[in-house]
């Protein structure tokens, strides 16, 4: 989930920061190592 989505807003209202919220795409494809990294909590 990237920018400007309903799901992204749900995440924000739960008190979580979507690390891809500023991505240009709404549902971008990303390499696995951009997901499996130390600075993402879950």
ModelCIF file with pLDDT and N, C-alpha, C, O atoms, coordinates in Angstrom:
data_MODEL
#
_entry.id   MODEL 
#
_entity.id                         1 
_entity.type                       polymer 
_entity.pdbx_number_of_molecules   1 
#
_entity_poly.entity_id                      1 
_entity_poly.type                           'polypeptide(L)' 
_entity_poly.nstd_linkage                   no 
_entity_poly.nstd_monomer                   no 
_entity_poly.pdbx_seq_one_letter_code       
;(UNK)(UNK)(UNK)(UNK)(UNK)(UNK)(UNK)(UNK)(UNK)(UNK)(UNK)(UNK)(UNK)(UNK)(UNK)(UNK)
(UNK)(UNK)(UNK)(UNK)(UNK)(UNK)(UNK)(UNK)(UNK)(UNK)(UNK)(UNK)(UNK)(UNK)(UNK)(UNK)
(UNK)(UNK)(UNK)(UNK)(UNK)(UNK)(UNK)(UNK)(UNK)(UNK)
;
_entity_poly.pdbx_seq_one_letter_code_can   XXXXXXXXXXXXXXXXXXXXXXXXXXXXXXXXXXXXXXXXXX 
_entity_poly.pdbx_strand_id                 A 
#
loop_
_entity_poly_seq.entity_id 
_entity_poly_seq.num 
_entity_poly_seq.mon_id 
_entity_poly_seq.hetero 
1 1  UNK n 
1 2  UNK n 
1 3  UNK n 
1 4  UNK n 
1 5  UNK n 
1 6  UNK n 
1 7  UNK n 
1 8  UNK n 
1 9  UNK n 
1 10 UNK n 
1 11 UNK n 
1 12 UNK n 
1 13 UNK n 
1 14 UNK n 
1 15 UNK n 
1 16 UNK n 
1 17 UNK n 
1 18 UNK n 
1 19 UNK n 
1 20 UNK n 
1 21 UNK n 
1 22 UNK n 
1 23 UNK n 
1 24 UNK n 
1 25 UNK n 
1 26 UNK n 
1 27 UNK n 
1 28 UNK n 
1 29 UNK n 
1 30 UNK n 
1 31 UNK n 
1 32 UNK n 
1 33 UNK n 
1 34 UNK n 
1 35 UNK n 
1 36 UNK n 
1 37 UNK n 
1 38 UNK n 
1 39 UNK n 
1 40 UNK n 
1 41 UNK n 
1 42 UNK n 
#
_struct_asym.id          A 
_struct_asym.entity_id   1 
#
loop_
_ma_qa_metric.id 
_ma_qa_metric.mode 
_ma_qa_metric.name 
_ma_qa_metric.software_group_id 
_ma_qa_metric.type 
1 global pLDDT . pLDDT 
2 local  pLDDT . pLDDT 
#
_ma_qa_metric_global.metric_id      1 
_ma_qa_metric_global.metric_value   96.95 
_ma_qa_metric_global.model_id       1 
_ma_qa_metric_global.ordinal_id     1 
#
loop_
_ma_qa_metric_local.label_asym_id 
_ma_qa_metric_local.label_comp_id 
_ma_qa_metric_local.label_seq_id 
_ma_qa_metric_local.metric_id 
_ma_qa_metric_local.metric_value 
_ma_qa_metric_local.model_id 
_ma_qa_metric_local.ordinal_id 
A UNK 1  2 98.00 1 1  
A UNK 2  2 97.00 1 2  
A UNK 3  2 96.00 1 3  
A UNK 4  2 95.00 1 4  
A UNK 5  2 97.00 1 5  
A UNK 6  2 97.00 1 6  
A UNK 7  2 98.00 1 7  
A UNK 8  2 97.00 1 8  
A UNK 9  2 97.00 1 9  
A UNK 10 2 98.00 1 10 
A UNK 11 2 98.00 1 11 
A UNK 12 2 98.00 1 12 
A UNK 13 2 97.00 1 13 
A UNK 14 2 97.00 1 14 
A UNK 15 2 97.00 1 15 
A UNK 16 2 98.00 1 16 
A UNK 17 2 98.00 1 17 
A UNK 18 2 98.00 1 18 
A UNK 19 2 98.00 1 19 
A UNK 20 2 98.00 1 20 
A UNK 21 2 97.00 1 21 
A UNK 22 2 95.00 1 22 
A UNK 23 2 95.00 1 23 
A UNK 24 2 92.00 1 24 
A UNK 25 2 94.00 1 25 
A UNK 26 2 96.00 1 26 
A UNK 27 2 97.00 1 27 
A UNK 28 2 98.00 1 28 
A UNK 29 2 98.00 1 29 
A UNK 30 2 97.00 1 30 
A UNK 31 2 97.00 1 31 
A UNK 32 2 98.00 1 32 
A UNK 33 2 96.00 1 33 
A UNK 34 2 97.00 1 34 
A UNK 35 2 97.00 1 35 
A UNK 36 2 98.00 1 36 
A UNK 37 2 97.00 1 37 
A UNK 38 2 96.00 1 38 
A UNK 39 2 96.00 1 39 
A UNK 40 2 98.00 1 40 
A UNK 41 2 98.00 1 41 
A UNK 42 2 98.00 1 42 
#
loop_
_atom_site.group_PDB 
_atom_site.id 
_atom_site.type_symbol 
_atom_site.label_atom_id 
_atom_site.label_alt_id 
_atom_site.label_comp_id 
_atom_site.label_asym_id 
_atom_site.label_entity_id 
_atom_site.label_seq_id 
_atom_site.pdbx_PDB_ins_code 
_atom_site.Cartn_x 
_atom_site.Cartn_y 
_atom_site.Cartn_z 
_atom_site.occupancy 
_atom_site.B_iso_or_equiv 
_atom_site.pdbx_formal_charge 
_atom_site.auth_seq_id 
_atom_site.auth_comp_id 
_atom_site.auth_asym_id 
_atom_site.auth_atom_id 
_atom_site.pdbx_PDB_model_num 
ATOM 1   N N  . UNK A 1 1  ? 0.857  -1.182 0.000  1.00 98.00 ? 1  UNK A N  1 
ATOM 2   C CA . UNK A 1 1  ? 0.000  0.000  0.000  1.00 98.00 ? 1  UNK A CA 1 
ATOM 3   C C  . UNK A 1 1  ? 0.891  1.230  0.000  1.00 98.00 ? 1  UNK A C  1 
ATOM 4   O O  . UNK A 1 1  ? 1.779  1.368  0.842  1.00 98.00 ? 1  UNK A O  1 
ATOM 5   N N  . UNK A 1 2  ? 0.645  2.131  -0.962 1.00 97.00 ? 2  UNK A N  1 
ATOM 6   C CA . UNK A 1 2  ? 1.436  3.345  -1.073 1.00 97.00 ? 2  UNK A CA 1 
ATOM 7   C C  . UNK A 1 2  ? 0.668  4.573  -0.616 1.00 97.00 ? 2  UNK A C  1 
ATOM 8   O O  . UNK A 1 2  ? 0.198  4.629  0.520  1.00 97.00 ? 2  UNK A O  1 
ATOM 9   N N  . UNK A 1 3  ? 0.538  5.555  -1.496 1.00 96.00 ? 3  UNK A N  1 
ATOM 10  C CA . UNK A 1 3  ? -0.068 6.840  -1.121 1.00 96.00 ? 3  UNK A CA 1 
ATOM 11  C C  . UNK A 1 3  ? -1.538 6.917  -1.527 1.00 96.00 ? 3  UNK A C  1 
ATOM 12  O O  . UNK A 1 3  ? -1.994 6.217  -2.431 1.00 96.00 ? 3  UNK A O  1 
ATOM 13  N N  . UNK A 1 4  ? -2.262 7.790  -0.827 1.00 95.00 ? 4  UNK A N  1 
ATOM 14  C CA . UNK A 1 4  ? -3.639 8.168  -1.181 1.00 95.00 ? 4  UNK A CA 1 
ATOM 15  C C  . UNK A 1 4  ? -4.586 6.980  -1.277 1.00 95.00 ? 4  UNK A C  1 
ATOM 16  O O  . UNK A 1 4  ? -5.301 6.838  -2.269 1.00 95.00 ? 4  UNK A O  1 
ATOM 17  N N  . UNK A 1 5  ? -4.598 6.131  -0.265 1.00 97.00 ? 5  UNK A N  1 
ATOM 18  C CA . UNK A 1 5  ? -5.500 4.983  -0.251 1.00 97.00 ? 5  UNK A CA 1 
ATOM 19  C C  . UNK A 1 5  ? -6.311 4.946  1.037  1.00 97.00 ? 5  UNK A C  1 
ATOM 20  O O  . UNK A 1 5  ? -5.899 5.479  2.067  1.00 97.00 ? 5  UNK A O  1 
ATOM 21  N N  . UNK A 1 6  ? -7.462 4.311  0.956  1.00 97.00 ? 6  UNK A N  1 
ATOM 22  C CA . UNK A 1 6  ? -8.293 4.108  2.143  1.00 97.00 ? 6  UNK A CA 1 
ATOM 23  C C  . UNK A 1 6  ? -7.535 3.329  3.196  1.00 97.00 ? 6  UNK A C  1 
ATOM 24  O O  . UNK A 1 6  ? -7.556 3.687  4.374  1.00 97.00 ? 6  UNK A O  1 
ATOM 25  N N  . UNK A 1 7  ? -6.858 2.251  2.776  1.00 98.00 ? 7  UNK A N  1 
ATOM 26  C CA . UNK A 1 7  ? -6.108 1.432  3.729  1.00 98.00 ? 7  UNK A CA 1 
ATOM 27  C C  . UNK A 1 7  ? -5.016 2.238  4.408  1.00 98.00 ? 7  UNK A C  1 
ATOM 28  O O  . UNK A 1 7  ? -4.791 2.086  5.608  1.00 98.00 ? 7  UNK A O  1 
ATOM 29  N N  . UNK A 1 8  ? -4.341 3.087  3.663  1.00 97.00 ? 8  UNK A N  1 
ATOM 30  C CA . UNK A 1 8  ? -3.318 3.935  4.258  1.00 97.00 ? 8  UNK A CA 1 
ATOM 31  C C  . UNK A 1 8  ? -3.887 4.848  5.323  1.00 97.00 ? 8  UNK A C  1 
ATOM 32  O O  . UNK A 1 8  ? -3.239 5.090  6.341  1.00 97.00 ? 8  UNK A O  1 
ATOM 33  N N  . UNK A 1 9  ? -5.095 5.361  5.102  1.00 97.00 ? 9  UNK A N  1 
ATOM 34  C CA . UNK A 1 9  ? -5.723 6.227  6.093  1.00 97.00 ? 9  UNK A CA 1 
ATOM 35  C C  . UNK A 1 9  ? -6.139 5.428  7.323  1.00 97.00 ? 9  UNK A C  1 
ATOM 36  O O  . UNK A 1 9  ? -6.025 5.921  8.445  1.00 97.00 ? 9  UNK A O  1 
ATOM 37  N N  . UNK A 1 10 ? -6.623 4.196  7.125  1.00 98.00 ? 10 UNK A N  1 
ATOM 38  C CA . UNK A 1 10 ? -6.939 3.325  8.259  1.00 98.00 ? 10 UNK A CA 1 
ATOM 39  C C  . UNK A 1 10 ? -5.697 3.129  9.117  1.00 98.00 ? 10 UNK A C  1 
ATOM 40  O O  . UNK A 1 10 ? -5.754 3.251  10.340 1.00 98.00 ? 10 UNK A O  1 
ATOM 41  N N  . UNK A 1 11 ? -4.573 2.824  8.471  1.00 98.00 ? 11 UNK A N  1 
ATOM 42  C CA . UNK A 1 11 ? -3.314 2.618  9.184  1.00 98.00 ? 11 UNK A CA 1 
ATOM 43  C C  . UNK A 1 11 ? -2.937 3.857  9.986  1.00 98.00 ? 11 UNK A C  1 
ATOM 44  O O  . UNK A 1 11 ? -2.551 3.751  11.151 1.00 98.00 ? 11 UNK A O  1 
ATOM 45  N N  . UNK A 1 12 ? -3.045 5.022  9.373  1.00 98.00 ? 12 UNK A N  1 
ATOM 46  C CA . UNK A 1 12 ? -2.694 6.263  10.071 1.00 98.00 ? 12 UNK A CA 1 
ATOM 47  C C  . UNK A 1 12 ? -3.595 6.487  11.278 1.00 98.00 ? 12 UNK A C  1 
ATOM 48  O O  . UNK A 1 12 ? -3.122 6.925  12.327 1.00 98.00 ? 12 UNK A O  1 
ATOM 49  N N  . UNK A 1 13 ? -4.883 6.194  11.147 1.00 97.00 ? 13 UNK A N  1 
ATOM 50  C CA . UNK A 1 13 ? -5.830 6.426  12.239 1.00 97.00 ? 13 UNK A CA 1 
ATOM 51  C C  . UNK A 1 13 ? -5.682 5.390  13.349 1.00 97.00 ? 13 UNK A C  1 
ATOM 52  O O  . UNK A 1 13 ? -6.209 5.575  14.446 1.00 97.00 ? 13 UNK A O  1 
ATOM 53  N N  . UNK A 1 14 ? -4.973 4.309  13.071 1.00 97.00 ? 14 UNK A N  1 
ATOM 54  C CA . UNK A 1 14 ? -4.641 3.345  14.114 1.00 97.00 ? 14 UNK A CA 1 
ATOM 55  C C  . UNK A 1 14 ? -3.401 3.767  14.891 1.00 97.00 ? 14 UNK A C  1 
ATOM 56  O O  . UNK A 1 14 ? -3.035 3.130  15.879 1.00 97.00 ? 14 UNK A O  1 
ATOM 57  N N  . UNK A 1 15 ? -2.758 4.838  14.445 1.00 97.00 ? 15 UNK A N  1 
ATOM 58  C CA . UNK A 1 15 ? -1.555 5.312  15.122 1.00 97.00 ? 15 UNK A CA 1 
ATOM 59  C C  . UNK A 1 15 ? -0.282 4.668  14.600 1.00 97.00 ? 15 UNK A C  1 
ATOM 60  O O  . UNK A 1 15 ? 0.707  4.555  15.324 1.00 97.00 ? 15 UNK A O  1 
ATOM 61  N N  . UNK A 1 16 ? -0.309 4.247  13.344 1.00 98.00 ? 16 UNK A N  1 
ATOM 62  C CA . UNK A 1 16 ? 0.861  3.629  12.729 1.00 98.00 ? 16 UNK A CA 1 
ATOM 63  C C  . UNK A 1 16 ? 1.297  4.463  11.530 1.00 98.00 ? 16 UNK A C  1 
ATOM 64  O O  . UNK A 1 16 ? 0.484  5.136  10.896 1.00 98.00 ? 16 UNK A O  1 
ATOM 65  N N  . UNK A 1 17 ? 2.592  4.407  11.231 1.00 98.00 ? 17 UNK A N  1 
ATOM 66  C CA . UNK A 1 17 ? 3.114  5.135  10.074 1.00 98.00 ? 17 UNK A CA 1 
ATOM 67  C C  . UNK A 1 17 ? 3.416  4.152  8.952  1.00 98.00 ? 17 UNK A C  1 
ATOM 68  O O  . UNK A 1 17 ? 4.265  3.272  9.095  1.00 98.00 ? 17 UNK A O  1 
ATOM 69  N N  . UNK A 1 18 ? 2.721  4.307  7.846  1.00 98.00 ? 18 UNK A N  1 
ATOM 70  C CA . UNK A 1 18 ? 3.000  3.507  6.652  1.00 98.00 ? 18 UNK A CA 1 
ATOM 71  C C  . UNK A 1 18 ? 4.291  4.033  6.022  1.00 98.00 ? 18 UNK A C  1 
ATOM 72  O O  . UNK A 1 18 ? 4.335  5.173  5.560  1.00 98.00 ? 18 UNK A O  1 
ATOM 73  N N  . UNK A 1 19 ? 5.324  3.219  6.001  1.00 98.00 ? 19 UNK A N  1 
ATOM 74  C CA . UNK A 1 19 ? 6.626  3.688  5.516  1.00 98.00 ? 19 UNK A CA 1 
ATOM 75  C C  . UNK A 1 19 ? 6.613  3.961  4.016  1.00 98.00 ? 19 UNK A C  1 
ATOM 76  O O  . UNK A 1 19 ? 7.539  4.582  3.493  1.00 98.00 ? 19 UNK A O  1 
ATOM 77  N N  . UNK A 1 20 ? 5.575  3.504  3.319  1.00 98.00 ? 20 UNK A N  1 
ATOM 78  C CA . UNK A 1 20 ? 5.467  3.770  1.885  1.00 98.00 ? 20 UNK A CA 1 
ATOM 79  C C  . UNK A 1 20 ? 4.391  4.811  1.578  1.00 98.00 ? 20 UNK A C  1 
ATOM 80  O O  . UNK A 1 20 ? 3.953  4.930  0.434  1.00 98.00 ? 20 UNK A O  1 
ATOM 81  N N  . UNK A 1 21 ? 3.969  5.555  2.580  1.00 97.00 ? 21 UNK A N  1 
ATOM 82  C CA . UNK A 1 21 ? 2.885  6.522  2.400  1.00 97.00 ? 21 UNK A CA 1 
ATOM 83  C C  . UNK A 1 21 ? 3.246  7.646  1.440  1.00 97.00 ? 21 UNK A C  1 
ATOM 84  O O  . UNK A 1 21 ? 2.359  8.255  0.840  1.00 97.00 ? 21 UNK A O  1 
ATOM 85  N N  . UNK A 1 22 ? 4.532  7.929  1.288  1.00 95.00 ? 22 UNK A N  1 
ATOM 86  C CA . UNK A 1 22 ? 4.949  9.006  0.399  1.00 95.00 ? 22 UNK A CA 1 
ATOM 87  C C  . UNK A 1 22 ? 5.354  8.502  -0.980 1.00 95.00 ? 22 UNK A C  1 
ATOM 88  O O  . UNK A 1 22 ? 5.818  9.278  -1.816 1.00 95.00 ? 22 UNK A O  1 
ATOM 89  N N  . UNK A 1 23 ? 5.184  7.227  -1.215 1.00 95.00 ? 23 UNK A N  1 
ATOM 90  C CA . UNK A 1 23 ? 5.543  6.675  -2.525 1.00 95.00 ? 23 UNK A CA 1 
ATOM 91  C C  . UNK A 1 23 ? 4.644  7.271  -3.603 1.00 95.00 ? 23 UNK A C  1 
ATOM 92  O O  . UNK A 1 23 ? 3.467  7.539  -3.361 1.00 95.00 ? 23 UNK A O  1 
ATOM 93  N N  . UNK A 1 24 ? 5.198  7.474  -4.785 1.00 92.00 ? 24 UNK A N  1 
ATOM 94  C CA . UNK A 1 24 ? 4.413  8.069  -5.871 1.00 92.00 ? 24 UNK A CA 1 
ATOM 95  C C  . UNK A 1 24 ? 3.250  7.178  -6.299 1.00 92.00 ? 24 UNK A C  1 
ATOM 96  O O  . UNK A 1 24 ? 2.222  7.674  -6.761 1.00 92.00 ? 24 UNK A O  1 
ATOM 97  N N  . UNK A 1 25 ? 3.412  5.863  -6.147 1.00 94.00 ? 25 UNK A N  1 
ATOM 98  C CA . UNK A 1 25 ? 2.356  4.945  -6.558 1.00 94.00 ? 25 UNK A CA 1 
ATOM 99  C C  . UNK A 1 25 ? 1.407  4.607  -5.430 1.00 94.00 ? 25 UNK A C  1 
ATOM 100 O O  . UNK A 1 25 ? 1.769  4.685  -4.257 1.00 94.00 ? 25 UNK A O  1 
ATOM 101 N N  . UNK A 1 26 ? 0.191  4.232  -5.788 1.00 96.00 ? 26 UNK A N  1 
ATOM 102 C CA . UNK A 1 26 ? -0.792 3.846  -4.776 1.00 96.00 ? 26 UNK A CA 1 
ATOM 103 C C  . UNK A 1 26 ? -0.546 2.417  -4.307 1.00 96.00 ? 26 UNK A C  1 
ATOM 104 O O  . UNK A 1 26 ? -0.740 2.108  -3.131 1.00 96.00 ? 26 UNK A O  1 
ATOM 105 N N  . UNK A 1 27 ? -0.123 1.548  -5.211 1.00 97.00 ? 27 UNK A N  1 
ATOM 106 C CA . UNK A 1 27 ? 0.160  0.147  -4.865 1.00 97.00 ? 27 UNK A CA 1 
ATOM 107 C C  . UNK A 1 27 ? 1.440  -0.286 -5.582 1.00 97.00 ? 27 UNK A C  1 
ATOM 108 O O  . UNK A 1 27 ? 1.390  -1.091 -6.512 1.00 97.00 ? 27 UNK A O  1 
ATOM 109 N N  . UNK A 1 28 ? 2.565  0.239  -5.157 1.00 98.00 ? 28 UNK A N  1 
ATOM 110 C CA . UNK A 1 28 ? 3.810  -0.029 -5.879 1.00 98.00 ? 28 UNK A CA 1 
ATOM 111 C C  . UNK A 1 28 ? 4.361  -1.432 -5.626 1.00 98.00 ? 28 UNK A C  1 
ATOM 112 O O  . UNK A 1 28 ? 4.135  -2.031 -4.574 1.00 98.00 ? 28 UNK A O  1 
ATOM 113 N N  . UNK A 1 29 ? 5.088  -1.932 -6.617 1.00 98.00 ? 29 UNK A N  1 
ATOM 114 C CA . UNK A 1 29 ? 5.871  -3.151 -6.457 1.00 98.00 ? 29 UNK A CA 1 
ATOM 115 C C  . UNK A 1 29 ? 7.221  -2.768 -5.865 1.00 98.00 ? 29 UNK A C  1 
ATOM 116 O O  . UNK A 1 29 ? 7.844  -1.803 -6.309 1.00 98.00 ? 29 UNK A O  1 
ATOM 117 N N  . UNK A 1 30 ? 7.676  -3.523 -4.859 1.00 97.00 ? 30 UNK A N  1 
ATOM 118 C CA . UNK A 1 30 ? 8.946  -3.211 -4.198 1.00 97.00 ? 30 UNK A CA 1 
ATOM 119 C C  . UNK A 1 30 ? 9.750  -4.494 -4.014 1.00 97.00 ? 30 UNK A C  1 
ATOM 120 O O  . UNK A 1 30 ? 9.165  -5.567 -3.867 1.00 97.00 ? 30 UNK A O  1 
ATOM 121 N N  . UNK A 1 31 ? 11.069 -4.403 -4.020 1.00 97.00 ? 31 UNK A N  1 
ATOM 122 C CA . UNK A 1 31 ? 11.890 -5.591 -3.735 1.00 97.00 ? 31 UNK A CA 1 
ATOM 123 C C  . UNK A 1 31 ? 11.653 -6.048 -2.298 1.00 97.00 ? 31 UNK A C  1 
ATOM 124 O O  . UNK A 1 31 ? 11.338 -5.238 -1.427 1.00 97.00 ? 31 UNK A O  1 
ATOM 125 N N  . UNK A 1 32 ? 11.804 -7.336 -2.059 1.00 98.00 ? 32 UNK A N  1 
ATOM 126 C CA . UNK A 1 32 ? 11.576 -7.872 -0.719 1.00 98.00 ? 32 UNK A CA 1 
ATOM 127 C C  . UNK A 1 32 ? 12.476 -7.218 0.315  1.00 98.00 ? 32 UNK A C  1 
ATOM 128 O O  . UNK A 1 32 ? 12.062 -7.024 1.458  1.00 98.00 ? 32 UNK A O  1 
ATOM 129 N N  . UNK A 1 33 ? 13.715 -6.871 -0.073 1.00 96.00 ? 33 UNK A N  1 
ATOM 130 C CA . UNK A 1 33 ? 14.615 -6.289 0.933  1.00 96.00 ? 33 UNK A CA 1 
ATOM 131 C C  . UNK A 1 33 ? 14.184 -4.892 1.365  1.00 96.00 ? 33 UNK A C  1 
ATOM 132 O O  . UNK A 1 33 ? 14.682 -4.384 2.371  1.00 96.00 ? 33 UNK A O  1 
ATOM 133 N N  . UNK A 1 34 ? 13.261 -4.253 0.621  1.00 97.00 ? 34 UNK A N  1 
ATOM 134 C CA . UNK A 1 34 ? 12.716 -2.975 1.078  1.00 97.00 ? 34 UNK A CA 1 
ATOM 135 C C  . UNK A 1 34 ? 11.596 -3.176 2.096  1.00 97.00 ? 34 UNK A C  1 
ATOM 136 O O  . UNK A 1 34 ? 11.175 -2.232 2.764  1.00 97.00 ? 34 UNK A O  1 
ATOM 137 N N  . UNK A 1 35 ? 11.124 -4.408 2.206  1.00 97.00 ? 35 UNK A N  1 
ATOM 138 C CA . UNK A 1 35 ? 10.126 -4.759 3.219  1.00 97.00 ? 35 UNK A CA 1 
ATOM 139 C C  . UNK A 1 35 ? 10.768 -5.410 4.433  1.00 97.00 ? 35 UNK A C  1 
ATOM 140 O O  . UNK A 1 35 ? 10.387 -5.140 5.571  1.00 97.00 ? 35 UNK A O  1 
ATOM 141 N N  . UNK A 1 36 ? 11.734 -6.260 4.182  1.00 98.00 ? 36 UNK A N  1 
ATOM 142 C CA . UNK A 1 36 ? 12.391 -7.011 5.252  1.00 98.00 ? 36 UNK A CA 1 
ATOM 143 C C  . UNK A 1 36 ? 13.624 -6.240 5.720  1.00 98.00 ? 36 UNK A C  1 
ATOM 144 O O  . UNK A 1 36 ? 14.752 -6.550 5.336  1.00 98.00 ? 36 UNK A O  1 
ATOM 145 N N  . UNK A 1 37 ? 13.384 -5.231 6.558  1.00 97.00 ? 37 UNK A N  1 
ATOM 146 C CA . UNK A 1 37 ? 14.480 -4.359 6.987  1.00 97.00 ? 37 UNK A CA 1 
ATOM 147 C C  . UNK A 1 37 ? 14.268 -3.914 8.429  1.00 97.00 ? 37 UNK A C  1 
ATOM 148 O O  . UNK A 1 37 ? 13.152 -3.951 8.946  1.00 97.00 ? 37 UNK A O  1 
ATOM 149 N N  . UNK A 1 38 ? 15.348 -3.495 9.063  1.00 96.00 ? 38 UNK A N  1 
ATOM 150 C CA . UNK A 1 38 ? 15.340 -3.241 10.506 1.00 96.00 ? 38 UNK A CA 1 
ATOM 151 C C  . UNK A 1 38 ? 14.501 -2.043 10.926 1.00 96.00 ? 38 UNK A C  1 
ATOM 152 O O  . UNK A 1 38 ? 14.023 -2.007 12.060 1.00 96.00 ? 38 UNK A O  1 
ATOM 153 N N  . UNK A 1 39 ? 14.306 -1.061 10.048 1.00 96.00 ? 39 UNK A N  1 
ATOM 154 C CA . UNK A 1 39 ? 13.596 0.149  10.463 1.00 96.00 ? 39 UNK A CA 1 
ATOM 155 C C  . UNK A 1 39 ? 12.082 0.047  10.288 1.00 96.00 ? 39 UNK A C  1 
ATOM 156 O O  . UNK A 1 39 ? 11.380 1.046  10.447 1.00 96.00 ? 39 UNK A O  1 
ATOM 157 N N  . UNK A 1 40 ? 11.571 -1.131 9.968  1.00 98.00 ? 40 UNK A N  1 
ATOM 158 C CA . UNK A 1 40 ? 10.131 -1.377 9.931  1.00 98.00 ? 40 UNK A CA 1 
ATOM 159 C C  . UNK A 1 40 ? 9.786  -2.271 11.122 1.00 98.00 ? 40 UNK A C  1 
ATOM 160 O O  . UNK A 1 40 ? 10.385 -3.330 11.307 1.00 98.00 ? 40 UNK A O  1 
ATOM 161 N N  . UNK A 1 41 ? 8.824  -1.838 11.921 1.00 98.00 ? 41 UNK A N  1 
ATOM 162 C CA . UNK A 1 41 ? 8.458  -2.614 13.109 1.00 98.00 ? 41 UNK A CA 1 
ATOM 163 C C  . UNK A 1 41 ? 7.681  -3.876 12.759 1.00 98.00 ? 41 UNK A C  1 
ATOM 164 O O  . UNK A 1 41 ? 7.900  -4.925 13.364 1.00 98.00 ? 41 UNK A O  1 
ATOM 165 N N  . UNK A 1 42 ? 6.773  -3.784 11.786 1.00 98.00 ? 42 UNK A N  1 
ATOM 166 C CA . UNK A 1 42 ? 5.947  -4.939 11.448 1.00 98.00 ? 42 UNK A CA 1 
ATOM 167 C C  . UNK A 1 42 ? 5.413  -4.788 10.027 1.00 98.00 ? 42 UNK A C  1 
ATOM 168 O O  . UNK A 1 42 ? 4.689  -5.659 9.544  1.00 98.00 ? 42 UNK A O  1 
#
